[in-house]
């Protein structure tokens, strides 16, 4: 039987989590993929990169649920997601196929989440944002919008607008979930 001391981390606590895990490696893979998406001009290469990024995003979530989350995962996964999308839609913006404000619309949920994180961090109340169905839908819509950019540019603008609409819903959903969480936490 293991001896438990005051220095032993409590089970389920932040300290009990490993600092990093296999899921984090899958997440971190999206960082060089983001750079490659920008640097490689071939649509075929970008399609392969997009597929690898999508698989790594699915796999990191599966591994984190299966093997348990790490302390680093709550940071690496959203940073890798946002960096990949920013690079991908940077390429779309420079292609001229969408107006700058349409690209901002596609990235609206990511921008709102990043701004909220920095504000709460500055106030000393930073916390990870748990995954919500609306956020998952935005990620899928963003991937499909990039796919339209690569394979069917005639669908790019409608996909961008649809992704923007889903992004607005996700922001609303996160906001209301957070308000409910605060009310429940205050006992009202």
Protein backbone atom coordinates (compact mmCIF):
# COMPACT_ATOMS: atom_id res chain seq x y z
CA UNK A 1 0.00 0.00 0.00
CA UNK A 2 1.38 3.40 -0.98
CA UNK A 3 2.08 5.85 1.77
CA UNK A 4 0.10 9.05 1.43
CA UNK A 5 1.72 12.23 2.69
CA UNK A 6 0.82 15.89 2.62
CA UNK A 7 3.08 16.25 -0.41
CA UNK A 8 1.19 13.56 -2.37
CA UNK A 9 -1.13 15.02 -4.99
CA UNK A 10 -4.79 14.32 -4.43
CA UNK A 11 -6.32 11.99 -7.01
CA UNK A 12 -8.14 13.96 -9.70
CA UNK A 13 -6.28 17.14 -8.83
CA UNK A 14 -4.31 19.26 -11.26
CA UNK A 15 -1.07 17.99 -9.69
CA UNK A 16 -2.06 14.35 -10.27
CA UNK A 17 -2.14 14.91 -14.02
CA UNK A 18 1.07 14.23 -15.95
CA UNK A 19 2.74 17.35 -17.32
CA UNK A 20 2.34 16.13 -20.93
CA UNK A 21 1.00 13.14 -22.81
CA UNK A 22 0.56 11.49 -26.18
CA UNK A 23 -2.49 13.67 -26.90
CA UNK A 24 -0.26 16.76 -26.53
CA UNK A 25 2.10 15.42 -29.18
CA UNK A 26 -0.85 15.03 -31.56
CA UNK A 27 -1.91 18.60 -30.79
CA UNK A 28 1.62 19.96 -31.19
CA UNK A 29 1.81 18.31 -34.62
CA UNK A 30 -0.60 20.98 -35.89
CA UNK A 31 1.97 23.72 -35.27
CA UNK A 32 4.45 22.63 -38.00
CA UNK A 33 1.47 21.67 -40.16
CA UNK A 34 0.21 25.27 -39.87
CA UNK A 35 3.57 26.59 -41.06
CA UNK A 36 3.67 24.06 -43.90
CA UNK A 37 0.15 25.07 -44.99
CA UNK A 38 1.44 28.61 -45.50
CA UNK A 39 4.76 27.70 -47.12
CA UNK A 40 3.68 24.97 -49.54
CA UNK A 41 1.80 26.48 -52.49
CA UNK A 42 0.51 23.17 -53.88
CA UNK A 43 -3.22 22.58 -53.35
CA UNK A 44 -2.51 18.84 -53.15
CA UNK A 45 0.07 19.36 -50.39
CA UNK A 46 -2.32 21.68 -48.55
CA UNK A 47 -5.09 19.10 -48.83
CA UNK A 48 -2.83 16.46 -47.27
CA UNK A 49 -1.85 18.92 -44.52
CA UNK A 50 -5.50 19.74 -43.84
CA UNK A 51 -6.31 16.02 -43.59
CA UNK A 52 -3.40 15.44 -41.17
CA UNK A 53 -4.47 18.42 -39.05
CA UNK A 54 -8.06 17.17 -38.88
CA UNK A 55 -6.92 13.65 -37.93
CA UNK A 56 -4.55 15.02 -35.26
CA UNK A 57 -7.41 17.10 -33.81
CA UNK A 58 -9.69 14.06 -33.61
CA UNK A 59 -6.92 11.84 -32.28
CA UNK A 60 -5.77 14.22 -29.55
CA UNK A 61 -9.30 14.43 -28.14
CA UNK A 62 -9.72 10.66 -28.25
CA UNK A 63 -6.35 10.09 -26.58
CA UNK A 64 -7.00 12.70 -23.88
CA UNK A 65 -10.32 11.05 -23.03
CA UNK A 66 -8.88 7.54 -23.19
CA UNK A 67 -5.54 8.10 -21.41
CA UNK A 68 -6.50 11.12 -19.31
CA UNK A 69 -5.70 14.78 -19.80
CA UNK A 70 -2.36 16.39 -19.03
CA UNK A 71 -1.59 19.78 -17.52
CA UNK A 72 -0.08 20.94 -20.83
CA UNK A 73 -3.03 19.74 -22.96
CA UNK A 74 -5.41 22.48 -21.85
CA UNK A 75 -2.92 24.98 -23.30
CA UNK A 76 -1.38 23.18 -26.30
CA UNK A 77 -4.59 21.98 -27.95
CA UNK A 78 -6.37 25.36 -28.24
CA UNK A 79 -3.15 27.15 -29.22
CA UNK A 80 -2.45 24.58 -31.96
CA UNK A 81 -6.08 24.79 -33.15
CA UNK A 82 -6.07 28.57 -33.35
CA UNK A 83 -2.63 28.76 -34.94
CA UNK A 84 -3.60 26.26 -37.65
CA UNK A 85 -6.83 28.09 -38.43
CA UNK A 86 -5.13 31.50 -38.42
CA UNK A 87 -2.48 30.25 -40.86
CA UNK A 88 -5.03 28.47 -43.03
CA UNK A 89 -7.32 31.46 -43.28
CA UNK A 90 -4.32 33.75 -43.71
CA UNK A 91 -3.67 31.84 -46.94
CA UNK A 92 -7.35 32.26 -47.88
CA UNK A 93 -7.15 36.00 -47.16
CA UNK A 94 -4.06 36.45 -49.31
CA UNK A 95 -5.70 34.51 -52.15
CA UNK A 96 -8.24 37.34 -52.47
CA UNK A 97 -11.15 34.88 -52.72
CA UNK A 98 -12.75 36.32 -49.56
CA UNK A 99 -12.88 39.85 -48.22
CA UNK A 100 -10.87 40.46 -45.05
CA UNK A 101 -14.05 40.86 -43.01
CA UNK A 102 -15.34 37.49 -44.22
CA UNK A 103 -12.12 35.88 -42.98
CA UNK A 104 -12.59 37.66 -39.64
CA UNK A 105 -16.14 36.26 -39.52
CA UNK A 106 -14.86 32.71 -40.02
CA UNK A 107 -12.36 33.22 -37.19
CA UNK A 108 -14.78 35.15 -34.94
CA UNK A 109 -15.20 32.38 -32.34
CA UNK A 110 -11.40 31.93 -32.14
CA UNK A 111 -10.88 35.67 -31.79
CA UNK A 112 -13.56 35.96 -29.08
CA UNK A 113 -12.14 32.99 -27.14
CA UNK A 114 -8.60 34.39 -27.35
CA UNK A 115 -9.68 37.85 -26.21
CA UNK A 116 -11.71 36.35 -23.34
CA UNK A 117 -8.73 34.25 -22.27
CA UNK A 118 -6.34 37.24 -22.27
CA UNK A 119 -8.79 39.43 -20.34
CA UNK A 120 -9.41 36.77 -17.69
CA UNK A 121 -5.67 36.05 -17.47
CA UNK A 122 -4.96 39.77 -16.97
CA UNK A 123 -7.57 39.82 -14.20
CA UNK A 124 -5.99 36.74 -12.60
CA UNK A 125 -8.99 34.51 -13.30
CA UNK A 126 -7.81 32.53 -16.33
CA UNK A 127 -9.54 29.21 -16.82
CA UNK A 128 -9.77 26.75 -19.65
CA UNK A 129 -12.99 26.80 -21.62
CA UNK A 130 -14.57 23.36 -21.73
CA UNK A 131 -15.53 22.03 -25.16
CA UNK A 132 -19.11 22.74 -26.19
CA UNK A 133 -21.05 21.37 -29.18
CA UNK A 134 -21.11 24.83 -30.81
CA UNK A 135 -17.34 25.05 -30.64
CA UNK A 136 -16.98 21.60 -32.20
CA UNK A 137 -19.38 22.67 -34.96
CA UNK A 138 -17.27 25.77 -35.66
CA UNK A 139 -14.10 23.71 -35.94
CA UNK A 140 -15.81 21.33 -38.38
CA UNK A 141 -17.20 24.24 -40.39
CA UNK A 142 -13.76 25.89 -40.51
CA UNK A 143 -12.21 22.65 -41.80
CA UNK A 144 -14.95 22.35 -44.44
CA UNK A 145 -14.40 25.99 -45.44
CA UNK A 146 -10.70 25.31 -45.96
CA UNK A 147 -11.65 22.21 -47.93
CA UNK A 148 -13.90 24.35 -50.15
CA UNK A 149 -11.00 26.78 -50.65
CA UNK A 150 -8.80 23.92 -51.85
CA UNK A 151 -11.28 21.86 -53.88
CA UNK A 152 -14.36 23.91 -54.75
CA UNK A 153 -13.75 27.68 -54.55
CA UNK A 154 -17.29 28.37 -55.78
CA UNK A 155 -18.50 27.12 -52.37
CA UNK A 156 -15.93 29.10 -50.37
CA UNK A 157 -18.03 32.22 -49.76
CA UNK A 158 -21.24 30.37 -48.76
CA UNK A 159 -19.18 28.13 -46.44
CA UNK A 160 -17.48 31.18 -44.93
CA UNK A 161 -20.83 32.80 -44.19
CA UNK A 162 -22.23 29.58 -42.72
CA UNK A 163 -19.12 29.18 -40.57
CA UNK A 164 -19.50 32.77 -39.37
CA UNK A 165 -23.10 32.08 -38.37
CA UNK A 166 -22.10 28.93 -36.47
CA UNK A 167 -19.32 30.97 -34.83
CA UNK A 168 -21.84 33.55 -33.61
CA UNK A 169 -23.97 30.75 -32.18
CA UNK A 170 -20.92 29.25 -30.43
CA UNK A 171 -20.04 32.60 -28.85
CA UNK A 172 -23.63 32.96 -27.62
CA UNK A 173 -23.58 29.39 -26.31
CA UNK A 174 -20.27 29.85 -24.44
CA UNK A 175 -21.53 33.11 -22.96
CA UNK A 176 -24.79 31.61 -21.70
CA UNK A 177 -23.08 28.45 -20.40
CA UNK A 178 -20.63 30.63 -18.46
CA UNK A 179 -23.46 32.76 -17.02
CA UNK A 180 -25.30 29.61 -15.93
CA UNK A 181 -22.11 28.22 -14.41
CA UNK A 182 -21.62 31.43 -12.41
CA UNK A 183 -25.24 31.41 -11.19
CA UNK A 184 -24.99 27.79 -10.09
CA UNK A 185 -21.65 28.53 -8.40
CA UNK A 186 -23.23 31.42 -6.49
CA UNK A 187 -26.17 29.28 -5.40
CA UNK A 188 -28.84 31.39 -7.10
